[in-house]
């Protein structure tokens, strides 16, 4: 996964933003664990 093509003779997936693409790919491979989480926030002084 690259943001710009490299001059190498290997398969490459060119994406506009590798950080976003890697996060999406990781979530898909892990079964999107954040979709099954309950998050609660408590604030105050």
PDB file of N, CA and C in Angstrom:
ATOM      1  N   UNK A   1       0.850  -1.148   0.000  1.00  0.00           N
ATOM      2  CA  UNK A   1       0.000   0.000   0.000  1.00  0.00           C
ATOM      3  C   UNK A   1       0.910   1.229   0.000  1.00  0.00           C
ATOM      4  N   UNK A   2       0.714   2.051  -1.019  1.00  0.00           N
ATOM      5  CA  UNK A   2       1.552   3.240  -1.188  1.00  0.00           C
ATOM      6  C   UNK A   2       0.681   4.428  -1.589  1.00  0.00           C
ATOM      7  N   UNK A   3       1.174   5.612  -1.329  1.00  0.00           N
ATOM      8  CA  UNK A   3       0.459   6.820  -1.733  1.00  0.00           C
ATOM      9  C   UNK A   3       0.876   7.284  -3.120  1.00  0.00           C
ATOM     10  N   UNK A   4       2.024   6.828  -3.569  1.00  0.00           N
ATOM     11  CA  UNK A   4       2.457   7.117  -4.940  1.00  0.00           C
ATOM     12  C   UNK A   4       3.207   5.890  -5.449  1.00  0.00           C
ATOM     13  N   UNK A   5       3.074   5.586  -6.722  1.00  0.00           N
ATOM     14  CA  UNK A   5       3.713   4.383  -7.270  1.00  0.00           C
ATOM     15  C   UNK A   5       5.232   4.404  -7.079  1.00  0.00           C
ATOM     16  N   UNK A   6       5.768   3.243  -6.710  1.00  0.00           N
ATOM     17  CA  UNK A   6       7.208   3.087  -6.551  1.00  0.00           C
ATOM     18  C   UNK A   6       7.776   2.388  -7.773  1.00  0.00           C
ATOM     19  N   UNK A   7       9.013   2.666  -8.090  1.00  0.00           N
ATOM     20  CA  UNK A   7       9.663   2.055  -9.250  1.00  0.00           C
ATOM     21  C   UNK A   7      10.217   0.681  -8.859  1.00  0.00           C
ATOM     22  N   UNK A   8       9.318  -0.221  -8.479  1.00  0.00           N
ATOM     23  CA  UNK A   8       9.677  -1.576  -8.080  1.00  0.00           C
ATOM     24  C   UNK A   8       8.784  -2.560  -8.813  1.00  0.00           C
ATOM     25  N   UNK A   9       9.299  -3.745  -9.050  1.00  0.00           N
ATOM     26  CA  UNK A   9       8.535  -4.770  -9.751  1.00  0.00           C
ATOM     27  C   UNK A   9       7.805  -5.666  -8.744  1.00  0.00           C
ATOM     28  N   UNK A  10       6.934  -5.062  -7.950  1.00  0.00           N
ATOM     29  CA  UNK A  10       6.118  -5.778  -6.971  1.00  0.00           C
ATOM     30  C   UNK A  10       4.698  -5.219  -7.038  1.00  0.00           C
ATOM     31  N   UNK A  11       3.704  -6.022  -6.663  1.00  0.00           N
ATOM     32  CA  UNK A  11       2.334  -5.497  -6.656  1.00  0.00           C
ATOM     33  C   UNK A  11       2.207  -4.325  -5.685  1.00  0.00           C
ATOM     34  N   UNK A  12       1.450  -3.323  -6.086  1.00  0.00           N
ATOM     35  CA  UNK A  12       1.249  -2.136  -5.262  1.00  0.00           C
ATOM     36  C   UNK A  12      -0.214  -1.721  -5.313  1.00  0.00           C
ATOM     37  N   UNK A  13      -0.724  -1.307  -4.187  1.00  0.00           N
ATOM     38  CA  UNK A  13      -2.060  -0.722  -4.113  1.00  0.00           C
ATOM     39  C   UNK A  13      -1.847   0.760  -3.833  1.00  0.00           C
ATOM     40  N   UNK A  14      -2.224   1.597  -4.779  1.00  0.00           N
ATOM     41  CA  UNK A  14      -2.026   3.039  -4.637  1.00  0.00           C
ATOM     42  C   UNK A  14      -3.304   3.644  -4.057  1.00  0.00           C
ATOM     43  N   UNK A  15      -3.162   4.342  -2.929  1.00  0.00           N
ATOM     44  CA  UNK A  15      -4.298   4.964  -2.250  1.00  0.00           C
ATOM     45  C   UNK A  15      -3.975   6.435  -1.987  1.00  0.00           C
ATOM     46  N   UNK A  16      -4.992   7.282  -1.848  1.00  0.00           N
ATOM     47  CA  UNK A  16      -4.727   8.698  -1.599  1.00  0.00           C
ATOM     48  C   UNK A  16      -4.162   8.969  -0.201  1.00  0.00           C
ATOM     49  N   UNK A  17      -4.562   8.178   0.802  1.00  0.00           N
ATOM     50  CA  UNK A  17      -4.082   8.378   2.175  1.00  0.00           C
ATOM     51  C   UNK A  17      -3.851   7.009   2.805  1.00  0.00           C
ATOM     52  N   UNK A  18      -2.595   6.616   2.951  1.00  0.00           N
ATOM     53  CA  UNK A  18      -2.282   5.274   3.442  1.00  0.00           C
ATOM     54  C   UNK A  18      -2.680   5.079   4.904  1.00  0.00           C
ATOM     55  N   UNK A  19      -2.680   6.118   5.713  1.00  0.00           N
ATOM     56  CA  UNK A  19      -3.083   5.970   7.122  1.00  0.00           C
ATOM     57  C   UNK A  19      -4.560   5.618   7.233  1.00  0.00           C
ATOM     58  N   UNK A  20      -5.382   6.303   6.467  1.00  0.00           N
ATOM     59  CA  UNK A  20      -6.817   6.000   6.482  1.00  0.00           C
ATOM     60  C   UNK A  20      -7.062   4.611   5.910  1.00  0.00           C
ATOM     61  N   UNK A  21      -6.427   4.301   4.789  1.00  0.00           N
ATOM     62  CA  UNK A  21      -6.620   3.004   4.150  1.00  0.00           C
ATOM     63  C   UNK A  21      -6.177   1.864   5.058  1.00  0.00           C
ATOM     64  N   UNK A  22      -5.060   2.021   5.756  1.00  0.00           N
ATOM     65  CA  UNK A  22      -4.571   0.978   6.651  1.00  0.00           C
ATOM     66  C   UNK A  22      -5.533   0.768   7.822  1.00  0.00           C
ATOM     67  N   UNK A  23      -6.093   1.841   8.346  1.00  0.00           N
ATOM     68  CA  UNK A  23      -7.075   1.722   9.424  1.00  0.00           C
ATOM     69  C   UNK A  23      -8.326   0.991   8.979  1.00  0.00           C
ATOM     70  N   UNK A  24      -8.818   1.326   7.797  1.00  0.00           N
ATOM     71  CA  UNK A  24     -10.006   0.656   7.261  1.00  0.00           C
ATOM     72  C   UNK A  24      -9.730  -0.815   6.980  1.00  0.00           C
ATOM     73  N   UNK A  25      -8.557  -1.104   6.435  1.00  0.00           N
ATOM     74  CA  UNK A  25      -8.192  -2.488   6.137  1.00  0.00           C
ATOM     75  C   UNK A  25      -8.061  -3.298   7.431  1.00  0.00           C
ATOM     76  N   UNK A  26      -7.435  -2.725   8.437  1.00  0.00           N
ATOM     77  CA  UNK A  26      -7.294  -3.420   9.714  1.00  0.00           C
ATOM     78  C   UNK A  26      -8.636  -3.701  10.366  1.00  0.00           C
ATOM     79  N   UNK A  27      -9.536  -2.729  10.326  1.00  0.00           N
ATOM     80  CA  UNK A  27     -10.872  -2.924  10.896  1.00  0.00           C
ATOM     81  C   UNK A  27     -11.625  -4.018  10.151  1.00  0.00           C
ATOM     82  N   UNK A  28     -11.502  -4.049   8.837  1.00  0.00           N
ATOM     83  CA  UNK A  28     -12.185  -5.074   8.046  1.00  0.00           C
ATOM     84  C   UNK A  28     -11.620  -6.462   8.341  1.00  0.00           C
ATOM     85  N   UNK A  29     -10.314  -6.573   8.466  1.00  0.00           N
ATOM     86  CA  UNK A  29      -9.695  -7.874   8.740  1.00  0.00           C
ATOM     87  C   UNK A  29      -9.999  -8.369  10.152  1.00  0.00           C
ATOM     88  N   UNK A  30     -10.185  -7.461  11.094  1.00  0.00           N
ATOM     89  CA  UNK A  30     -10.447  -7.836  12.485  1.00  0.00           C
ATOM     90  C   UNK A  30     -11.940  -7.980  12.774  1.00  0.00           C
ATOM     91  N   UNK A  31     -12.781  -7.809  11.764  1.00  0.00           N
ATOM     92  CA  UNK A  31     -14.221  -7.929  11.966  1.00  0.00           C
ATOM     93  C   UNK A  31     -14.851  -6.671  12.536  1.00  0.00           C
ATOM     94  N   UNK A  32     -14.227  -5.528  12.346  1.00  0.00           N
ATOM     95  CA  UNK A  32     -14.705  -4.219  12.800  1.00  0.00           C
ATOM     96  C   UNK A  32     -15.086  -4.240  14.283  1.00  0.00           C
ATOM     97  N   UNK A  33     -14.115  -4.497  15.169  1.00  0.00           N
ATOM     98  CA  UNK A  33     -14.418  -4.626  16.598  1.00  0.00           C
ATOM     99  C   UNK A  33     -15.035  -3.377  17.228  1.00  0.00           C
ATOM    100  N   UNK A  34     -14.745  -2.200  16.707  1.00  0.00           N
ATOM    101  CA  UNK A  34     -15.302  -0.981  17.305  1.00  0.00           C
ATOM    102  C   UNK A  34     -16.812  -0.889  17.107  1.00  0.00           C
ATOM    103  N   UNK A  35     -17.360  -1.614  16.153  1.00  0.00           N
ATOM    104  CA  UNK A  35     -18.804  -1.599  15.936  1.00  0.00           C
ATOM    105  C   UNK A  35     -19.544  -2.300  17.074  1.00  0.00           C
ATOM    106  N   UNK A  36     -18.844  -3.133  17.850  1.00  0.00           N
ATOM    107  CA  UNK A  36     -19.473  -3.911  18.919  1.00  0.00           C
ATOM    108  C   UNK A  36     -19.142  -3.366  20.312  1.00  0.00           C
ATOM    109  N   UNK A  37     -18.528  -2.190  20.370  1.00  0.00           N
ATOM    110  CA  UNK A  37     -18.132  -1.618  21.658  1.00  0.00           C
ATOM    111  C   UNK A  37     -19.155  -0.592  22.132  1.00  0.00           C
ATOM    112  N   UNK A  38     -19.390  -0.585  23.419  1.00  0.00           N
ATOM    113  CA  UNK A  38     -20.213   0.446  24.024  1.00  0.00           C
ATOM    114  C   UNK A  38     -19.270   1.429  24.706  1.00  0.00           C
ATOM    115  N   UNK A  39     -19.421   2.692  24.382  1.00  0.00           N
ATOM    116  CA  UNK A  39     -18.547   3.718  24.941  1.00  0.00           C
ATOM    117  C   UNK A  39     -19.393   4.685  25.761  1.00  0.00           C
ATOM    118  N   UNK A  40     -18.955   4.949  26.981  1.00  0.00           N
ATOM    119  CA  UNK A  40     -19.651   5.873  27.866  1.00  0.00           C
ATOM    120  C   UNK A  40     -18.654   6.922  28.322  1.00  0.00           C
ATOM    121  N   UNK A  41     -19.051   8.171  28.271  1.00  0.00           N
ATOM    122  CA  UNK A  41     -18.188   9.248  28.744  1.00  0.00           C
ATOM    123  C   UNK A  41     -18.858   9.995  29.890  1.00  0.00           C
ATOM    124  N   UNK A  42     -18.124  10.193  30.964  1.00  0.00           N
ATOM    125  CA  UNK A  42     -18.637  10.939  32.110  1.00  0.00           C
ATOM    126  C   UNK A  42     -17.701  12.115  32.339  1.00  0.00           C
ATOM    127  N   UNK A  43     -18.263  13.306  32.336  1.00  0.00           N
ATOM    128  CA  UNK A  43     -17.441  14.496  32.548  1.00  0.00           C
ATOM    129  C   UNK A  43     -17.981  15.279  33.735  1.00  0.00           C
ATOM    130  N   UNK A  44     -17.190  16.136  34.227  1.00  0.00           N
ATOM    131  CA  UNK A  44     -17.627  16.974  35.338  1.00  0.00           C
ATOM    132  C   UNK A  44     -16.433  17.468  36.124  1.00  0.00           C
ATOM    133  N   UNK A  45     -16.735  18.250  37.152  1.00  0.00           N
ATOM    134  CA  UNK A  45     -15.648  18.760  37.991  1.00  0.00           C
ATOM    135  C   UNK A  45     -15.760  18.219  39.392  1.00  0.00           C
TER     136      UNK A  45
END
